[in-house]
Amino acid sequence: MSRITKPPLETTSKPRAAERIRAAADEMFYREGIRAIGVDEIVTRAGVTKPSLYRSYASKDELAAAYLKDYDERFCRAFDEAGSGREDDPYGHLLAYLEGLALRATKSGYRGCGLTNAAVEYPQTGHPARKVAEASKRAFRDRLVALAKAMGAKDPQSLGDGLLLLIEGTYASGQLFGKGGPATSLVENAKRLIEAAIRD
């Protein structure tokens, strides 16, 4: 009697519906804005059904919050990577991040910071997307103040906030001006701000 054998397990499985939904939302929310994209567009792009989306996420608002959490994780990772090998050099760490940001912000199609964009789209404090954006920005503000302190600023809070304003301004102006815009002077202006804060 012949034995029935099971087919071998596939080494690469197709991404689950939730992963495809999240990937589709990530791309579309960043490029077009969260409010501009409907659930129908997301499920079509992801190649899933609407019930699949609602099994994974209770609402579009929850999907938006998930997208922003993913965005925040990538942002934190990128900021940390800029400081790789510069653990004892807060100035070098910050400038490395700013140099990368200046390059990105002057490229065609740049859409700024997804978290900042979401905060503008959702002014309501209790909205799930707004909550994620606010928490991320508060943590980043604290991080910049800590770097300012490590650089020897007389008033770390003031320098940290000044750097945050420069960075947020770059997110916005990069979308408006692109190549040749104000983002090209980000690093130089940051250097001047830091030097003044340490010297005074």
C-alpha atoms as a PDB file:
ATOM      1  CA  MET A   1       0.000   0.000   0.000  1.00  0.00           C
ATOM      2  CA  SER A   2       1.433   3.336  -1.011  1.00  0.00           C
ATOM      3  CA  ARG A   3       2.022   5.881   1.667  1.00  0.00           C
ATOM      4  CA  ILE A   4       0.385   9.276   1.451  1.00  0.00           C
ATOM      5  CA  THR A   5       2.956  11.962   1.919  1.00  0.00           C
ATOM      6  CA  LYS A   6       2.301  15.586   2.750  1.00  0.00           C
ATOM      7  CA  PRO A   7       3.569  18.185   0.301  1.00  0.00           C
ATOM      8  CA  PRO A   8       6.710  19.985   1.471  1.00  0.00           C
ATOM      9  CA  LEU A   9       6.176  23.220   3.371  1.00  0.00           C
ATOM     10  CA  GLU A  10       6.798  26.327   1.316  1.00  0.00           C
ATOM     11  CA  THR A  11       9.879  28.199   2.397  1.00  0.00           C
ATOM     12  CA  THR A  12       8.382  31.540   1.464  1.00  0.00           C
ATOM     13  CA  SER A  13       4.774  32.122   2.384  1.00  0.00           C
ATOM     14  CA  LYS A  14       2.551  34.834   0.955  1.00  0.00           C
ATOM     15  CA  PRO A  15       2.236  37.811   3.310  1.00  0.00           C
ATOM     16  CA  ARG A  16      -0.813  37.619   5.540  1.00  0.00           C
ATOM     17  CA  ALA A  17      -3.774  39.886   4.815  1.00  0.00           C
ATOM     18  CA  ALA A  18      -2.968  42.136   7.797  1.00  0.00           C
ATOM     19  CA  GLU A  19       0.592  42.639   6.546  1.00  0.00           C
ATOM     20  CA  ARG A  20      -0.571  43.464   3.026  1.00  0.00           C
ATOM     21  CA  ILE A  21      -3.146  45.912   4.383  1.00  0.00           C
ATOM     22  CA  ARG A  22      -0.528  47.616   6.542  1.00  0.00           C
ATOM     23  CA  ALA A  23       1.943  47.845   3.650  1.00  0.00           C
ATOM     24  CA  ALA A  24      -0.674  49.319   1.332  1.00  0.00           C
ATOM     25  CA  ALA A  25      -1.832  51.812   3.955  1.00  0.00           C
ATOM     26  CA  ASP A  26       1.759  52.803   4.716  1.00  0.00           C
ATOM     27  CA  GLU A  27       2.457  53.786   1.138  1.00  0.00           C
ATOM     28  CA  MET A  28      -0.878  55.445   0.427  1.00  0.00           C
ATOM     29  CA  PHE A  29      -1.254  57.313   3.723  1.00  0.00           C
ATOM     30  CA  TYR A  30       2.233  58.808   3.384  1.00  0.00           C
ATOM     31  CA  ARG A  31       1.872  59.835  -0.253  1.00  0.00           C
ATOM     32  CA  GLU A  32      -1.731  61.078  -0.240  1.00  0.00           C
ATOM     33  CA  GLY A  33      -2.611  61.750   3.396  1.00  0.00           C
ATOM     34  CA  ILE A  34      -4.701  59.625   5.733  1.00  0.00           C
ATOM     35  CA  ARG A  35      -8.035  61.391   5.233  1.00  0.00           C
ATOM     36  CA  ALA A  36      -7.687  61.297   1.434  1.00  0.00           C
ATOM     37  CA  ILE A  37      -7.519  57.490   1.292  1.00  0.00           C
ATOM     38  CA  GLY A  38     -10.631  55.389   1.759  1.00  0.00           C
ATOM     39  CA  VAL A  39     -10.929  51.816   2.976  1.00  0.00           C
ATOM     40  CA  ASP A  40     -11.969  50.645  -0.499  1.00  0.00           C
ATOM     41  CA  GLU A  41      -8.721  51.962  -1.987  1.00  0.00           C
ATOM     42  CA  ILE A  42      -6.657  50.230   0.686  1.00  0.00           C
ATOM     43  CA  VAL A  43      -8.250  46.801   0.256  1.00  0.00           C
ATOM     44  CA  THR A  44      -7.987  47.076  -3.528  1.00  0.00           C
ATOM     45  CA  ARG A  45      -4.275  47.907  -3.328  1.00  0.00           C
ATOM     46  CA  ALA A  46      -3.686  45.160  -0.741  1.00  0.00           C
ATOM     47  CA  GLY A  47      -5.673  42.590  -2.739  1.00  0.00           C
ATOM     48  CA  VAL A  48      -7.897  41.643   0.195  1.00  0.00           C
ATOM     49  CA  THR A  49     -11.561  41.990   1.125  1.00  0.00           C
ATOM     50  CA  LYS A  50     -13.060  44.656   3.356  1.00  0.00           C
ATOM     51  CA  PRO A  51     -14.010  42.061   6.025  1.00  0.00           C
ATOM     52  CA  SER A  52     -10.307  41.065   6.111  1.00  0.00           C
ATOM     53  CA  LEU A  53      -9.388  44.635   6.961  1.00  0.00           C
ATOM     54  CA  TYR A  54     -11.930  44.864   9.760  1.00  0.00           C
ATOM     55  CA  ARG A  55     -10.828  41.525  11.187  1.00  0.00           C
ATOM     56  CA  SER A  56      -7.321  42.968  11.528  1.00  0.00           C
ATOM     57  CA  TYR A  57      -8.195  46.548  12.477  1.00  0.00           C
ATOM     58  CA  ALA A  58     -11.344  47.709  14.245  1.00  0.00           C
ATOM     59  CA  SER A  59     -11.533  50.858  12.114  1.00  0.00           C
ATOM     60  CA  LYS A  60      -9.632  53.001   9.638  1.00  0.00           C
ATOM     61  CA  ASP A  61      -8.597  55.160  12.600  1.00  0.00           C
ATOM     62  CA  GLU A  62      -6.916  52.143  14.221  1.00  0.00           C
ATOM     63  CA  LEU A  63      -5.179  51.314  10.934  1.00  0.00           C
ATOM     64  CA  ALA A  64      -3.946  54.915  10.767  1.00  0.00           C
ATOM     65  CA  ALA A  65      -2.551  54.601  14.293  1.00  0.00           C
ATOM     66  CA  ALA A  66      -0.815  51.332  13.341  1.00  0.00           C
ATOM     67  CA  TYR A  67       0.714  53.030  10.285  1.00  0.00           C
ATOM     68  CA  LEU A  68       2.055  55.843  12.458  1.00  0.00           C
ATOM     69  CA  LYS A  69       3.509  53.416  15.013  1.00  0.00           C
ATOM     70  CA  ASP A  70       5.379  51.711  12.178  1.00  0.00           C
ATOM     71  CA  TYR A  71       6.502  55.114  10.893  1.00  0.00           C
ATOM     72  CA  ASP A  72       7.715  56.124  14.345  1.00  0.00           C
ATOM     73  CA  GLU A  73       9.712  52.897  14.711  1.00  0.00           C
ATOM     74  CA  ARG A  74      11.428  53.517  11.370  1.00  0.00           C
ATOM     75  CA  PHE A  75      12.123  57.124  12.308  1.00  0.00           C
ATOM     76  CA  CYS A  76      13.674  56.160  15.660  1.00  0.00           C
ATOM     77  CA  ARG A  77      15.765  53.481  13.967  1.00  0.00           C
ATOM     78  CA  ALA A  78      17.028  55.962  11.345  1.00  0.00           C
ATOM     79  CA  PHE A  79      17.860  58.539  13.999  1.00  0.00           C
ATOM     80  CA  ASP A  80      19.745  55.918  16.041  1.00  0.00           C
ATOM     81  CA  GLU A  81      21.621  54.691  12.967  1.00  0.00           C
ATOM     82  CA  ALA A  82      22.835  58.236  12.317  1.00  0.00           C
ATOM     83  CA  GLY A  83      24.551  58.020  15.708  1.00  0.00           C
ATOM     84  CA  SER A  84      26.121  54.607  15.107  1.00  0.00           C
ATOM     85  CA  GLY A  85      29.814  54.837  15.968  1.00  0.00           C
ATOM     86  CA  ARG A  86      29.240  58.296  17.449  1.00  0.00           C
ATOM     87  CA  GLU A  87      28.022  57.266  20.899  1.00  0.00           C
ATOM     88  CA  ASP A  88      30.388  59.788  22.534  1.00  0.00           C
ATOM     89  CA  ASP A  89      29.811  62.489  19.927  1.00  0.00           C
ATOM     90  CA  PRO A  90      26.311  63.995  20.241  1.00  0.00           C
ATOM     91  CA  TYR A  91      27.252  66.827  17.872  1.00  0.00           C
ATOM     92  CA  GLY A  92      28.386  64.390  15.164  1.00  0.00           C
ATOM     93  CA  HIS A  93      25.306  62.238  15.707  1.00  0.00           C
ATOM     94  CA  LEU A  94      22.941  65.149  15.242  1.00  0.00           C
ATOM     95  CA  LEU A  95      24.744  66.544  12.200  1.00  0.00           C
ATOM     96  CA  ALA A  96      24.779  63.123  10.540  1.00  0.00           C
ATOM     97  CA  TYR A  97      20.995  62.932  10.901  1.00  0.00           C
ATOM     98  CA  LEU A  98      20.521  66.508   9.668  1.00  0.00           C
ATOM     99  CA  GLU A  99      22.723  65.917   6.618  1.00  0.00           C
ATOM    100  CA  GLY A 100      20.586  62.933   5.646  1.00  0.00           C
ATOM    101  CA  LEU A 101      17.391  64.894   6.247  1.00  0.00           C
ATOM    102  CA  ALA A 102      18.615  67.794   4.099  1.00  0.00           C
ATOM    103  CA  LEU A 103      19.268  65.392   1.221  1.00  0.00           C
ATOM    104  CA  ARG A 104      15.863  63.705   1.517  1.00  0.00           C
ATOM    105  CA  ALA A 105      14.007  67.005   1.828  1.00  0.00           C
ATOM    106  CA  THR A 106      15.419  68.314  -1.459  1.00  0.00           C
ATOM    107  CA  LYS A 107      14.445  65.281  -3.527  1.00  0.00           C
ATOM    108  CA  SER A 108      11.437  65.135  -5.818  1.00  0.00           C
ATOM    109  CA  GLY A 109       8.340  63.621  -4.223  1.00  0.00           C
ATOM    110  CA  TYR A 110       9.389  64.356  -0.640  1.00  0.00           C
ATOM    111  CA  ARG A 111       6.323  64.398   1.619  1.00  0.00           C
ATOM    112  CA  GLY A 112       7.838  65.480   4.902  1.00  0.00           C
ATOM    113  CA  CYS A 113       7.250  63.648   8.159  1.00  0.00           C
ATOM    114  CA  GLY A 114       4.247  61.340   8.252  1.00  0.00           C
ATOM    115  CA  LEU A 115       3.778  62.028  11.961  1.00  0.00           C
ATOM    116  CA  THR A 116       3.753  65.792  11.507  1.00  0.00           C
ATOM    117  CA  ASN A 117       1.388  65.472   8.559  1.00  0.00           C
ATOM    118  CA  ALA A 118      -0.973  63.331  10.643  1.00  0.00           C
ATOM    119  CA  ALA A 119      -0.969  65.863  13.495  1.00  0.00           C
ATOM    120  CA  VAL A 120      -2.068  68.533  11.013  1.00  0.00           C
ATOM    121  CA  GLU A 121      -4.771  66.269   9.572  1.00  0.00           C
ATOM    122  CA  TYR A 122      -6.136  65.347  13.000  1.00  0.00           C
ATOM    123  CA  PRO A 123      -6.315  68.318  15.362  1.00  0.00           C
ATOM    124  CA  GLN A 124      -8.540  66.382  17.805  1.00  0.00           C
ATOM    125  CA  THR A 125      -6.399  65.454  20.814  1.00  0.00           C
ATOM    126  CA  GLY A 126      -8.091  62.112  21.454  1.00  0.00           C
ATOM    127  CA  HIS A 127      -7.892  60.730  17.927  1.00  0.00           C
ATOM    128  CA  PRO A 128      -5.821  57.485  17.763  1.00  0.00           C
ATOM    129  CA  ALA A 129      -3.559  58.859  15.014  1.00  0.00           C
ATOM    130  CA  ARG A 130      -3.064  62.139  16.854  1.00  0.00           C
ATOM    131  CA  LYS A 131      -2.105  60.287  20.045  1.00  0.00           C
ATOM    132  CA  VAL A 132       0.663  58.387  18.270  1.00  0.00           C
ATOM    133  CA  ALA A 133       1.952  61.536  16.561  1.00  0.00           C
ATOM    134  CA  GLU A 134       1.975  63.537  19.809  1.00  0.00           C
ATOM    135  CA  ALA A 135       3.778  60.816  21.765  1.00  0.00           C
ATOM    136  CA  SER A 136       6.430  60.512  19.054  1.00  0.00           C
ATOM    137  CA  LYS A 137       7.052  64.252  18.856  1.00  0.00           C
ATOM    138  CA  ARG A 138       7.263  64.635  22.634  1.00  0.00           C
ATOM    139  CA  ALA A 139       9.799  61.794  22.808  1.00  0.00           C
ATOM    140  CA  PHE A 140      11.842  63.338  19.996  1.00  0.00           C
ATOM    141  CA  ARG A 141      11.789  66.726  21.703  1.00  0.00           C
ATOM    142  CA  ASP A 142      13.148  65.098  24.869  1.00  0.00           C
ATOM    143  CA  ARG A 143      15.813  63.355  22.794  1.00  0.00           C
ATOM    144  CA  LEU A 144      16.979  66.632  21.259  1.00  0.00           C
ATOM    145  CA  VAL A 145      17.119  68.310  24.671  1.00  0.00           C
ATOM    146  CA  ALA A 146      19.245  65.405  25.949  1.00  0.00           C
ATOM    147  CA  LEU A 147      21.612  65.795  22.976  1.00  0.00           C
ATOM    148  CA  ALA A 148      21.791  69.542  23.615  1.00  0.00           C
ATOM    149  CA  LYS A 149      22.743  68.874  27.222  1.00  0.00           C
ATOM    150  CA  ALA A 150      25.387  66.370  26.149  1.00  0.00           C
ATOM    151  CA  MET A 151      26.821  69.004  23.770  1.00  0.00           C
ATOM    152  CA  GLY A 152      27.263  71.377  26.690  1.00  0.00           C
ATOM    153  CA  ALA A 153      24.495  73.902  25.960  1.00  0.00           C
ATOM    154  CA  LYS A 154      23.969  76.443  28.703  1.00  0.00           C
ATOM    155  CA  ASP A 155      20.193  76.108  28.179  1.00  0.00           C
ATOM    156  CA  PRO A 156      19.553  72.610  26.770  1.00  0.00           C
ATOM    157  CA  GLN A 157      15.782  73.115  26.603  1.00  0.00           C
ATOM    158  CA  SER A 158      16.132  76.214  24.453  1.00  0.00           C
ATOM    159  CA  LEU A 159      18.653  74.595  22.097  1.00  0.00           C
ATOM    160  CA  GLY A 160      16.627  71.388  21.846  1.00  0.00           C
ATOM    161  CA  ASP A 161      13.528  73.369  20.973  1.00  0.00           C
ATOM    162  CA  GLY A 162      15.433  75.459  18.447  1.00  0.00           C
ATOM    163  CA  LEU A 163      16.685  72.306  16.740  1.00  0.00           C
ATOM    164  CA  LEU A 164      13.181  70.861  16.739  1.00  0.00           C
ATOM    165  CA  LEU A 165      11.870  74.006  15.039  1.00  0.00           C
ATOM    166  CA  LEU A 166      14.586  73.744  12.372  1.00  0.00           C
ATOM    167  CA  ILE A 167      13.764  70.092  11.746  1.00  0.00           C
ATOM    168  CA  GLU A 168      10.002  70.609  11.615  1.00  0.00           C
ATOM    169  CA  GLY A 169      10.550  73.558   9.295  1.00  0.00           C
ATOM    170  CA  THR A 170      12.566  71.308   7.024  1.00  0.00           C
ATOM    171  CA  TYR A 171       9.760  68.736   6.923  1.00  0.00           C
ATOM    172  CA  ALA A 172       7.335  71.430   5.745  1.00  0.00           C
ATOM    173  CA  SER A 173       9.582  73.493   3.454  1.00  0.00           C
ATOM    174  CA  GLY A 174      10.967  70.394   1.742  1.00  0.00           C
ATOM    175  CA  GLN A 175       7.482  69.654   0.412  1.00  0.00           C
ATOM    176  CA  LEU A 176       7.078  73.195  -0.903  1.00  0.00           C
ATOM    177  CA  PHE A 177      10.475  74.044  -2.349  1.00  0.00           C
ATOM    178  CA  GLY A 178      12.250  70.765  -3.073  1.00  0.00           C
ATOM    179  CA  LYS A 179      15.618  71.080  -4.787  1.00  0.00           C
ATOM    180  CA  GLY A 180      17.366  74.336  -3.946  1.00  0.00           C
ATOM    181  CA  GLY A 181      14.955  75.126  -1.117  1.00  0.00           C
ATOM    182  CA  PRO A 182      15.656  76.148   2.489  1.00  0.00           C
ATOM    183  CA  ALA A 183      16.538  72.554   3.449  1.00  0.00           C
ATOM    184  CA  THR A 184      19.905  73.040   1.744  1.00  0.00           C
ATOM    185  CA  SER A 185      20.895  75.387   4.591  1.00  0.00           C
ATOM    186  CA  LEU A 186      19.633  73.144   7.419  1.00  0.00           C
ATOM    187  CA  VAL A 187      23.037  71.890   8.548  1.00  0.00           C
ATOM    188  CA  GLU A 188      24.680  75.307   8.412  1.00  0.00           C
ATOM    189  CA  ASN A 189      21.886  76.896  10.437  1.00  0.00           C
ATOM    190  CA  ALA A 190      21.976  74.065  12.969  1.00  0.00           C
ATOM    191  CA  LYS A 191      25.730  74.544  13.415  1.00  0.00           C
ATOM    192  CA  ARG A 192      25.271  78.253  14.060  1.00  0.00           C
ATOM    193  CA  LEU A 193      22.488  77.607  16.554  1.00  0.00           C
ATOM    194  CA  ILE A 194      24.537  75.005  18.424  1.00  0.00           C
ATOM    195  CA  GLU A 195      27.687  77.124  18.492  1.00  0.00           C
ATOM    196  CA  ALA A 196      25.750  80.119  19.839  1.00  0.00           C
ATOM    197  CA  ALA A 197      24.066  77.973  22.502  1.00  0.00           C
ATOM    198  CA  ILE A 198      27.358  76.510  23.683  1.00  0.00           C
ATOM    199  CA  ARG A 199      29.301  79.791  23.525  1.00  0.00           C
ATOM    200  CA  ASP A 200      26.737  82.003  25.332  1.00  0.00           C
END
